[in-house]
């Protein structure tokens, strides 16, 4: 072989190895220098969650703090009961049923499987007793009987569930029953014929449903935070709340390792298809969060879903804080007044009626920008009273979690009374306006 070729080949290999080494070093440096994605921007590895989907929400503003596969519709198991709990509260508020109303158990409820309080046909229990059995013990039979009482039949109630889901903005949810049981696990005679498929909810929708429960019926927490409940006097053991994260469990031997500060609800879920699910809420230092985990592997007795939820709460309470972007009772620069017609004054002083406070990462620097100021009528017409809502101010800001442009609107309120002007003053103004307009018209001729 030609020696020059051999030298050339050796030199080429040496150059190639050097180039490969340089490329590998560059790739390594790039990986080290690139910033890690925040867990709140859908990077599930940041929290090392072992779930199919997850969601973390601020319960006051509805803001998303973390999400992963949040819009994927999955079997929710007994988290379905949150919708039943919501609709029973609504029926009570509307006067359709009452807490002390006694209900006679029907066949569908008595034939339910899974978690239950072993209701028999003809048993009589109050709405409150059945509700607590549902909220604490996740009793399928109590849930079904409540659904039939409100809806007339469980199938009709499921239709109401779907209608309500649409109204609440739950776009990735579908209900076939009140319990979350798979169709095959329902009593055959009571399986829905007019509703297809299986029950599914997304993590986002589960959080949204919990958000509405807490907003519309905050007294629900009085039931969800109960550790135990003696359903019947003759029952040998009380129902034990499936939510092992309850703060009140901190001194309970079997659950204290799962107990989390501030947790007082909401709902667990487990079936073979759904895996382990949990929608939880916790209140710390005036901040309430809602966390959802779905599809946690393992069995319902290993508590892994609560450990995954704790990671979300740790992240939320540790990484976020409330920040006020717009102060209340503050005048807006260049919009300190709004024009008033037929008043003793031609304008009224205004300030913001409330604050704009949002949950933001502790390290973020976000400012709200004024978009527009709009009076309730243009112009405002006297008389006006101090405190009257006379306009709205809209602000925009960029959400550092979702990178979306957000807008918020606050009321503008009058800081003073503006009485209606007398007829003489109004006449003088009209005359002045007439001659002012006439003069301007003459000037424009030239």
Protein backbone atom coordinates (compact mmCIF):
# COMPACT_ATOMS: atom_id res chain seq x y z
CA UNK A 1 0.00 0.00 0.00
CA UNK A 2 1.29 3.49 -0.84
CA UNK A 3 2.95 5.02 2.28
CA UNK A 4 1.55 8.47 1.46
CA UNK A 5 -1.95 6.99 1.44
CA UNK A 6 -1.31 5.29 4.78
CA UNK A 7 -0.11 8.57 6.30
CA UNK A 8 -3.15 10.33 4.78
CA UNK A 9 -5.53 7.73 6.20
CA UNK A 10 -3.97 8.00 9.66
CA UNK A 11 -4.13 11.78 9.56
CA UNK A 12 -7.77 11.68 8.39
CA UNK A 13 -8.74 9.35 11.23
CA UNK A 14 -6.97 11.60 13.72
CA UNK A 15 -8.79 14.65 12.39
CA UNK A 16 -12.12 12.78 12.47
CA UNK A 17 -11.62 11.73 16.09
CA UNK A 18 -10.75 15.31 17.04
CA UNK A 19 -13.87 16.62 15.30
CA UNK A 20 -16.05 14.04 17.04
CA UNK A 21 -14.51 14.96 20.39
CA UNK A 22 -15.18 18.66 19.75
CA UNK A 23 -18.79 17.95 18.73
CA UNK A 24 -19.40 15.79 21.81
CA UNK A 25 -17.88 18.44 24.07
CA UNK A 26 -20.02 21.15 22.46
CA UNK A 27 -23.17 19.07 22.91
CA UNK A 28 -22.29 18.43 26.55
CA UNK A 29 -21.66 22.11 27.21
CA UNK A 30 -24.93 23.05 25.52
CA UNK A 31 -26.87 20.61 27.68
CA UNK A 32 -25.21 22.01 30.79
CA UNK A 33 -25.75 25.66 29.89
CA UNK A 34 -29.33 25.50 28.62
CA UNK A 35 -31.83 26.48 31.33
CA UNK A 36 -33.99 23.69 32.66
CA UNK A 37 -37.67 23.96 31.82
CA UNK A 38 -39.87 24.91 34.73
CA UNK A 39 -42.11 22.14 36.01
CA UNK A 40 -45.03 24.53 35.62
CA UNK A 41 -44.56 24.57 31.85
CA UNK A 42 -45.56 20.95 31.38
CA UNK A 43 -42.19 19.38 32.23
CA UNK A 44 -43.32 16.49 34.37
CA UNK A 45 -39.72 15.38 34.99
CA UNK A 46 -39.14 18.47 37.11
CA UNK A 47 -41.37 17.08 39.85
CA UNK A 48 -40.71 13.43 39.00
CA UNK A 49 -44.39 12.58 39.17
CA UNK A 50 -45.40 9.00 38.46
CA UNK A 51 -48.85 9.81 37.04
CA UNK A 52 -50.72 9.82 33.75
CA UNK A 53 -51.82 13.42 34.21
CA UNK A 54 -51.62 16.17 36.79
CA UNK A 55 -52.85 19.69 37.42
CA UNK A 56 -52.26 22.36 40.04
CA UNK A 57 -54.56 25.37 40.39
CA UNK A 58 -54.86 28.42 42.60
CA UNK A 59 -58.33 28.07 44.09
CA UNK A 60 -58.90 31.82 44.38
CA UNK A 61 -58.07 32.92 40.84
CA UNK A 62 -58.38 29.64 38.94
CA UNK A 63 -54.85 30.10 37.61
CA UNK A 64 -52.89 27.08 36.46
CA UNK A 65 -49.60 26.63 38.32
CA UNK A 66 -48.64 23.26 36.84
CA UNK A 67 -50.07 20.98 34.19
CA UNK A 68 -49.16 17.79 32.42
CA UNK A 69 -51.45 15.95 30.02
CA UNK A 70 -54.08 18.07 31.70
CA UNK A 71 -56.60 17.91 28.85
CA UNK A 72 -56.40 14.15 28.34
CA UNK A 73 -59.72 12.48 29.17
CA UNK A 74 -59.12 9.57 31.54
CA UNK A 75 -61.26 7.36 33.79
CA UNK A 76 -61.71 9.32 37.04
CA UNK A 77 -63.23 6.52 39.13
CA UNK A 78 -64.90 7.95 42.25
CA UNK A 79 -63.70 11.50 41.56
CA UNK A 80 -66.87 11.43 39.44
CA UNK A 81 -68.75 11.85 42.71
CA UNK A 82 -67.58 15.47 42.90
CA UNK A 83 -70.16 16.28 40.23
CA UNK A 84 -72.83 14.40 42.19
CA UNK A 85 -71.81 16.29 45.33
CA UNK A 86 -72.04 19.57 43.43
CA UNK A 87 -75.49 18.84 42.01
CA UNK A 88 -76.92 17.64 45.32
CA UNK A 89 -75.79 20.89 46.94
CA UNK A 90 -77.38 22.79 44.06
CA UNK A 91 -80.67 20.91 44.45
CA UNK A 92 -80.70 21.74 48.16
CA UNK A 93 -79.97 25.41 47.49
CA UNK A 94 -82.80 25.52 44.95
CA UNK A 95 -85.21 23.95 47.44
CA UNK A 96 -85.77 20.75 45.45
CA UNK A 97 -84.63 18.59 48.36
CA UNK A 98 -83.54 19.25 51.95
CA UNK A 99 -80.82 17.92 54.22
CA UNK A 100 -83.30 16.39 56.63
CA UNK A 101 -85.50 14.87 53.93
CA UNK A 102 -85.88 11.12 54.45
CA UNK A 103 -85.30 8.94 51.40
CA UNK A 104 -86.40 5.36 50.81
CA UNK A 105 -83.68 3.22 49.21
CA UNK A 106 -84.51 1.77 45.78
CA UNK A 107 -83.23 -1.30 43.91
CA UNK A 108 -80.53 0.41 41.83
CA UNK A 109 -78.78 1.74 44.93
CA UNK A 110 -79.09 -1.57 46.76
CA UNK A 111 -77.41 -3.45 43.88
CA UNK A 112 -74.30 -1.26 43.69
CA UNK A 113 -70.88 -2.84 44.16
CA UNK A 114 -67.54 -1.49 45.33
CA UNK A 115 -67.35 1.01 48.18
CA UNK A 116 -70.74 1.05 49.87
CA UNK A 117 -72.67 1.17 53.12
CA UNK A 118 -74.77 -1.88 52.18
CA UNK A 119 -78.11 -0.19 51.72
CA UNK A 120 -81.13 -2.48 51.35
CA UNK A 121 -84.33 -1.80 49.45
CA UNK A 122 -86.75 -0.02 51.77
CA UNK A 123 -84.10 1.41 54.09
CA UNK A 124 -84.73 5.01 55.05
CA UNK A 125 -82.00 7.61 55.46
CA UNK A 126 -81.80 11.38 55.31
CA UNK A 127 -80.13 13.26 52.50
CA UNK A 128 -77.45 14.37 54.96
CA UNK A 129 -76.67 10.81 56.04
CA UNK A 130 -76.34 9.63 52.45
CA UNK A 131 -74.30 12.69 51.50
CA UNK A 132 -71.75 12.10 54.27
CA UNK A 133 -71.56 8.42 53.31
CA UNK A 134 -70.72 9.58 49.79
CA UNK A 135 -68.23 12.29 50.81
CA UNK A 136 -66.42 10.32 53.52
CA UNK A 137 -66.85 6.67 52.56
CA UNK A 138 -67.25 7.11 48.79
CA UNK A 139 -70.32 4.87 49.07
CA UNK A 140 -71.63 3.97 45.61
CA UNK A 141 -75.05 2.95 46.92
CA UNK A 142 -75.57 6.22 48.82
CA UNK A 143 -74.38 8.17 45.77
CA UNK A 144 -76.76 6.38 43.43
CA UNK A 145 -79.74 6.94 45.72
CA UNK A 146 -78.99 10.66 45.92
CA UNK A 147 -78.70 10.80 42.13
CA UNK A 148 -82.07 9.12 41.65
CA UNK A 149 -83.66 11.43 44.21
CA UNK A 150 -82.43 14.53 42.40
CA UNK A 151 -82.75 13.32 38.80
CA UNK A 152 -85.65 10.87 38.95
CA UNK A 153 -83.38 8.14 37.59
CA UNK A 154 -79.62 7.73 37.50
CA UNK A 155 -79.60 7.97 33.71
CA UNK A 156 -81.49 11.27 33.83
CA UNK A 157 -79.08 12.46 36.50
CA UNK A 158 -76.12 11.53 34.29
CA UNK A 159 -77.59 13.72 31.55
CA UNK A 160 -77.81 16.54 34.08
CA UNK A 161 -74.16 15.91 34.94
CA UNK A 162 -73.17 16.30 31.29
CA UNK A 163 -75.24 19.46 30.89
CA UNK A 164 -73.64 20.95 34.00
CA UNK A 165 -70.16 19.99 32.81
CA UNK A 166 -70.70 22.03 29.64
CA UNK A 167 -71.96 24.99 31.66
CA UNK A 168 -68.86 24.88 33.86
CA UNK A 169 -66.49 24.67 30.89
CA UNK A 170 -65.51 21.04 31.43
CA UNK A 171 -64.85 20.26 27.78
CA UNK A 172 -63.04 16.95 28.25
CA UNK A 173 -65.57 15.19 30.47
CA UNK A 174 -68.35 12.68 29.90
CA UNK A 175 -70.55 11.00 32.50
CA UNK A 176 -72.63 7.83 32.27
CA UNK A 177 -73.46 7.49 35.97
CA UNK A 178 -73.17 9.21 39.33
CA UNK A 179 -70.44 7.02 40.82
CA UNK A 180 -67.62 6.61 38.31
CA UNK A 181 -68.08 2.86 38.05
CA UNK A 182 -67.40 1.31 34.65
CA UNK A 183 -70.49 0.43 32.65
CA UNK A 184 -69.85 -3.30 33.13
CA UNK A 185 -69.84 -2.85 36.91
CA UNK A 186 -73.26 -1.19 37.02
CA UNK A 187 -76.39 -3.25 37.74
CA UNK A 188 -77.31 -4.52 34.27
CA UNK A 189 -80.91 -3.30 34.40
CA UNK A 190 -79.76 0.23 35.21
CA UNK A 191 -77.02 0.72 32.63
CA UNK A 192 -77.77 3.80 30.53
CA UNK A 193 -79.18 3.17 27.07
CA UNK A 194 -79.22 6.77 25.84
CA UNK A 195 -75.66 7.63 26.91
CA UNK A 196 -72.76 5.91 25.18
CA UNK A 197 -69.19 5.27 26.27
CA UNK A 198 -67.65 5.40 29.72
CA UNK A 199 -67.17 8.13 32.28
CA UNK A 200 -64.04 10.23 31.68
CA UNK A 201 -62.63 13.49 33.02
CA UNK A 202 -59.40 15.34 32.42
CA UNK A 203 -57.16 16.56 35.21
CA UNK A 204 -58.01 20.13 34.22
CA UNK A 205 -61.74 19.43 34.38
CA UNK A 206 -61.39 17.73 37.76
CA UNK A 207 -59.64 20.80 39.13
CA UNK A 208 -62.23 23.07 37.53
CA UNK A 209 -65.06 21.09 39.11
CA UNK A 210 -63.38 21.29 42.51
CA UNK A 211 -62.91 25.03 41.96
CA UNK A 212 -66.66 25.48 41.42
CA UNK A 213 -67.56 23.32 44.41
CA UNK A 214 -65.38 25.49 46.65
CA UNK A 215 -66.64 28.74 45.13
CA UNK A 216 -70.33 27.91 45.01
CA UNK A 217 -70.68 25.66 48.07
CA UNK A 218 -67.73 26.27 50.45
CA UNK A 219 -69.64 24.51 53.23
CA UNK A 220 -68.86 21.27 51.35
CA UNK A 221 -65.53 21.24 53.19
CA UNK A 222 -67.38 20.58 56.44
CA UNK A 223 -68.16 17.14 55.03
CA UNK A 224 -64.99 16.41 53.07
CA UNK A 225 -62.74 17.03 56.08
CA UNK A 226 -64.56 14.56 58.36
CA UNK A 227 -62.12 11.82 59.38
CA UNK A 228 -64.79 9.26 60.21
CA UNK A 229 -68.55 8.89 60.22
CA UNK A 230 -70.77 6.45 62.07
CA UNK A 231 -73.42 5.78 59.42
CA UNK A 232 -75.61 3.52 61.58
CA UNK A 233 -75.51 2.99 65.32
CA UNK A 234 -75.32 -0.77 64.77
CA UNK A 235 -72.32 -0.57 62.40
CA UNK A 236 -69.29 -2.12 64.08
CA UNK A 237 -66.85 0.28 62.42
CA UNK A 238 -67.31 3.88 61.30
CA UNK A 239 -66.63 4.94 57.75
CA UNK A 240 -63.04 6.13 57.39
CA UNK A 241 -62.31 8.98 55.00
CA UNK A 242 -60.38 7.77 51.97
CA UNK A 243 -58.53 11.08 51.92
CA UNK A 244 -55.50 10.13 53.99
CA UNK A 245 -53.91 13.53 53.38
CA UNK A 246 -56.30 15.29 55.78
CA UNK A 247 -54.29 17.44 58.16
CA UNK A 248 -56.34 15.99 61.00
CA UNK A 249 -54.69 12.61 60.29
CA UNK A 250 -51.30 13.86 61.50
CA UNK A 251 -51.71 11.93 64.75
CA UNK A 252 -53.32 8.83 63.23
CA UNK A 253 -50.79 6.00 63.16
CA UNK A 254 -51.77 4.54 59.78
CA UNK A 255 -52.11 7.87 57.98
CA UNK A 256 -49.76 10.37 59.63
CA UNK A 257 -47.06 9.93 56.97
CA UNK A 258 -49.59 11.09 54.35
CA UNK A 259 -51.17 13.93 56.36
CA UNK A 260 -50.40 17.32 54.83
CA UNK A 261 -50.76 20.78 56.42
CA UNK A 262 -54.00 22.47 55.41
CA UNK A 263 -55.60 19.60 53.49
CA UNK A 264 -59.38 19.45 54.06
CA UNK A 265 -60.73 17.72 50.92
CA UNK A 266 -61.79 16.67 48.29
CA UNK A 267 -62.16 13.25 46.59
CA UNK A 268 -60.26 10.07 45.88
CA UNK A 269 -60.89 7.54 43.13
CA UNK A 270 -59.79 4.03 42.22
CA UNK A 271 -60.75 1.37 39.70
CA UNK A 272 -58.61 -1.08 37.75
CA UNK A 273 -59.06 1.05 34.62
CA UNK A 274 -58.51 4.40 36.29
CA UNK A 275 -55.66 3.44 38.58
CA UNK A 276 -55.40 5.69 41.60
CA UNK A 277 -56.72 9.25 41.39
CA UNK A 278 -57.07 12.14 43.78
CA UNK A 279 -58.32 15.70 43.73
CA UNK A 280 -57.10 17.45 46.85
CA UNK A 281 -57.22 20.95 48.27
CA UNK A 282 -55.09 22.60 50.93
CA UNK A 283 -55.15 26.01 52.62
CA UNK A 284 -51.94 27.57 53.92
CA UNK A 285 -51.45 31.17 55.04
CA UNK A 286 -54.52 32.37 53.17
CA UNK A 287 -53.63 30.59 49.93
CA UNK A 288 -55.75 27.65 48.80
CA UNK A 289 -54.53 25.27 46.09
CA UNK A 290 -56.27 22.47 44.20
CA UNK A 291 -54.16 19.53 43.01
CA UNK A 292 -55.16 16.64 40.77
CA UNK A 293 -53.30 13.41 40.01
CA UNK A 294 -54.71 10.70 37.76
CA UNK A 295 -53.53 7.25 36.78
CA UNK A 296 -51.12 6.73 39.67
CA UNK A 297 -49.92 3.09 39.51
CA UNK A 298 -50.21 0.72 42.44
CA UNK A 299 -53.12 -0.31 44.62
CA UNK A 300 -55.53 1.87 46.53
CA UNK A 301 -53.96 1.00 49.86
CA UNK A 302 -50.35 2.03 49.18
CA UNK A 303 -51.00 5.79 49.39
CA UNK A 304 -48.82 6.64 46.38
CA UNK A 305 -51.41 9.07 45.01
CA UNK A 306 -51.05 11.15 48.17
CA UNK A 307 -47.26 11.23 47.89
CA UNK A 308 -47.58 12.48 44.30
CA UNK A 309 -50.11 15.09 45.39
CA UNK A 310 -47.77 16.25 48.15
CA UNK A 311 -45.14 16.99 45.49
CA UNK A 312 -47.61 19.29 43.74
CA UNK A 313 -48.55 21.07 46.95
CA UNK A 314 -44.88 21.46 47.92
CA UNK A 315 -44.18 22.98 44.53
CA UNK A 316 -47.18 25.30 44.62
CA UNK A 317 -46.76 26.61 48.15
CA UNK A 318 -42.98 26.77 47.83
CA UNK A 319 -42.60 28.37 44.41
CA UNK A 320 -45.56 30.76 44.11
CA UNK A 321 -46.90 33.76 45.96
CA UNK A 322 -49.72 36.23 45.57
CA UNK A 323 -48.69 39.48 43.94
CA UNK A 324 -50.88 42.56 43.56
CA UNK A 325 -50.57 43.99 40.06
CA UNK A 326 -53.19 46.73 40.51
CA UNK A 327 -53.82 48.40 43.86
CA UNK A 328 -57.40 49.11 45.03
CA UNK A 329 -58.74 52.64 45.51
CA UNK A 330 -56.00 54.04 43.28
CA UNK A 331 -56.33 56.74 40.62
CA UNK A 332 -55.12 55.73 37.15
CA UNK A 333 -52.63 58.12 35.59
CA UNK A 334 -54.23 60.21 32.81
CA UNK A 335 -57.61 58.71 33.70
CA UNK A 336 -58.20 60.33 37.07
CA UNK A 337 -61.61 61.65 35.97
CA UNK A 338 -64.48 60.72 33.67
CA UNK A 339 -66.73 63.20 31.88
CA UNK A 340 -70.18 63.86 33.35
CA UNK A 341 -73.20 65.33 31.57
CA UNK A 342 -75.85 67.51 33.25
CA UNK A 343 -73.91 67.69 36.51
CA UNK A 344 -72.85 70.47 38.81
CA UNK A 345 -69.36 69.36 37.77
CA UNK A 346 -68.26 68.41 34.27
CA UNK A 347 -66.27 65.41 35.52
CA UNK A 348 -66.04 62.99 38.42
CA UNK A 349 -62.92 61.68 40.11
CA UNK A 350 -62.57 57.89 39.97
CA UNK A 351 -60.37 55.17 41.47
CA UNK A 352 -60.06 51.41 41.05
CA UNK A 353 -62.78 49.56 42.91
CA UNK A 354 -60.71 46.48 43.73
CA UNK A 355 -57.23 45.06 43.41
CA UNK A 356 -55.82 42.67 40.84
CA UNK A 357 -53.94 39.96 42.72
CA UNK A 358 -52.59 36.87 40.98
CA UNK A 359 -50.42 33.87 41.83
CA UNK A 360 -46.97 34.21 40.29
CA UNK A 361 -43.61 32.47 40.65
CA UNK A 362 -41.70 34.10 43.48
CA UNK A 363 -38.83 34.97 41.14
CA UNK A 364 -40.97 36.49 38.36
CA UNK A 365 -41.28 40.18 37.60
CA UNK A 366 -44.66 40.87 36.04
CA UNK A 367 -46.32 44.23 35.50
CA UNK A 368 -49.87 44.92 34.40
CA UNK A 369 -50.32 47.27 31.45
CA UNK A 370 -53.43 49.42 31.11
CA UNK A 371 -55.35 48.46 27.98
CA UNK A 372 -58.45 50.63 28.13
CA UNK A 373 -60.79 52.64 30.35
CA UNK A 374 -64.48 52.52 29.47
CA UNK A 375 -67.26 54.44 31.31
CA UNK A 376 -70.51 52.62 32.01
CA UNK A 377 -72.15 55.18 29.71
CA UNK A 378 -70.57 57.77 27.46
CA UNK A 379 -70.92 60.33 28.80
CA UNK A 380 -71.92 59.66 32.38
CA UNK A 381 -75.08 61.48 33.42
CA UNK A 382 -75.57 63.18 36.81
CA UNK A 383 -76.58 62.64 39.54
CA UNK A 384 -73.80 60.32 40.76
CA UNK A 385 -73.07 59.15 44.29
CA UNK A 386 -69.74 58.42 45.91
CA UNK A 387 -69.03 54.71 45.47
CA UNK A 388 -71.11 54.34 42.29
CA UNK A 389 -69.57 52.07 39.67
CA UNK A 390 -68.99 54.42 36.76
CA UNK A 391 -66.59 52.51 34.51
CA UNK A 392 -64.19 49.65 34.00
CA UNK A 393 -60.43 49.48 33.48
CA UNK A 394 -58.87 46.54 31.67
CA UNK A 395 -55.26 45.49 32.24
CA UNK A 396 -53.12 42.91 30.48
CA UNK A 397 -50.11 40.92 31.66
CA UNK A 398 -48.16 37.88 30.49
CA UNK A 399 -48.64 34.74 32.54
CA UNK A 400 -45.11 33.45 33.20
CA UNK A 401 -46.40 29.89 33.64
CA UNK A 402 -48.40 29.47 30.43
CA UNK A 403 -46.76 32.35 28.52
CA UNK A 404 -50.27 33.47 27.56
CA UNK A 405 -51.44 37.07 27.52
CA UNK A 406 -54.02 37.48 30.27
CA UNK A 407 -56.51 40.30 30.76
CA UNK A 408 -58.25 41.38 33.95
CA UNK A 409 -60.92 44.02 34.47
CA UNK A 410 -61.62 46.12 37.56
CA UNK A 411 -64.45 48.51 38.35
CA UNK A 412 -63.93 52.25 38.50
CA UNK A 413 -65.86 53.95 41.29
CA UNK A 414 -66.69 57.58 41.93
CA UNK A 415 -64.88 59.18 44.87
CA UNK A 416 -67.36 62.05 45.17
CA UNK A 417 -70.99 63.00 44.67
CA UNK A 418 -71.92 64.84 41.49
CA UNK A 419 -75.32 66.49 41.81
CA UNK A 420 -77.48 67.31 38.84
CA UNK A 421 -77.02 70.92 37.74
CA UNK A 422 -79.94 73.39 37.92
CA UNK A 423 -81.80 74.44 34.79
CA UNK A 424 -80.18 77.88 34.73
CA UNK A 425 -76.66 76.45 34.81
CA UNK A 426 -77.53 73.94 32.12
CA UNK A 427 -78.99 76.74 29.98
CA UNK A 428 -75.81 78.84 30.32
CA UNK A 429 -73.73 75.82 29.32
CA UNK A 430 -75.91 75.21 26.29
CA UNK A 431 -75.60 78.86 25.22
CA UNK A 432 -71.85 78.74 25.75
CA UNK A 433 -71.57 75.53 23.75
CA UNK A 434 -73.65 77.05 20.95
CA UNK A 435 -71.49 80.16 20.57
CA UNK A 436 -68.30 78.12 20.96
CA UNK A 437 -69.39 75.87 18.13
CA UNK A 438 -70.46 78.84 16.04
CA UNK A 439 -67.11 80.56 16.54
CA UNK A 440 -65.20 77.43 15.58
CA UNK A 441 -67.36 77.07 12.47
CA UNK A 442 -66.60 80.66 11.41
CA UNK A 443 -62.86 80.15 12.01
CA UNK A 444 -62.91 77.03 9.88
CA UNK A 445 -64.33 79.05 6.97
CA UNK A 446 -61.04 80.90 6.76
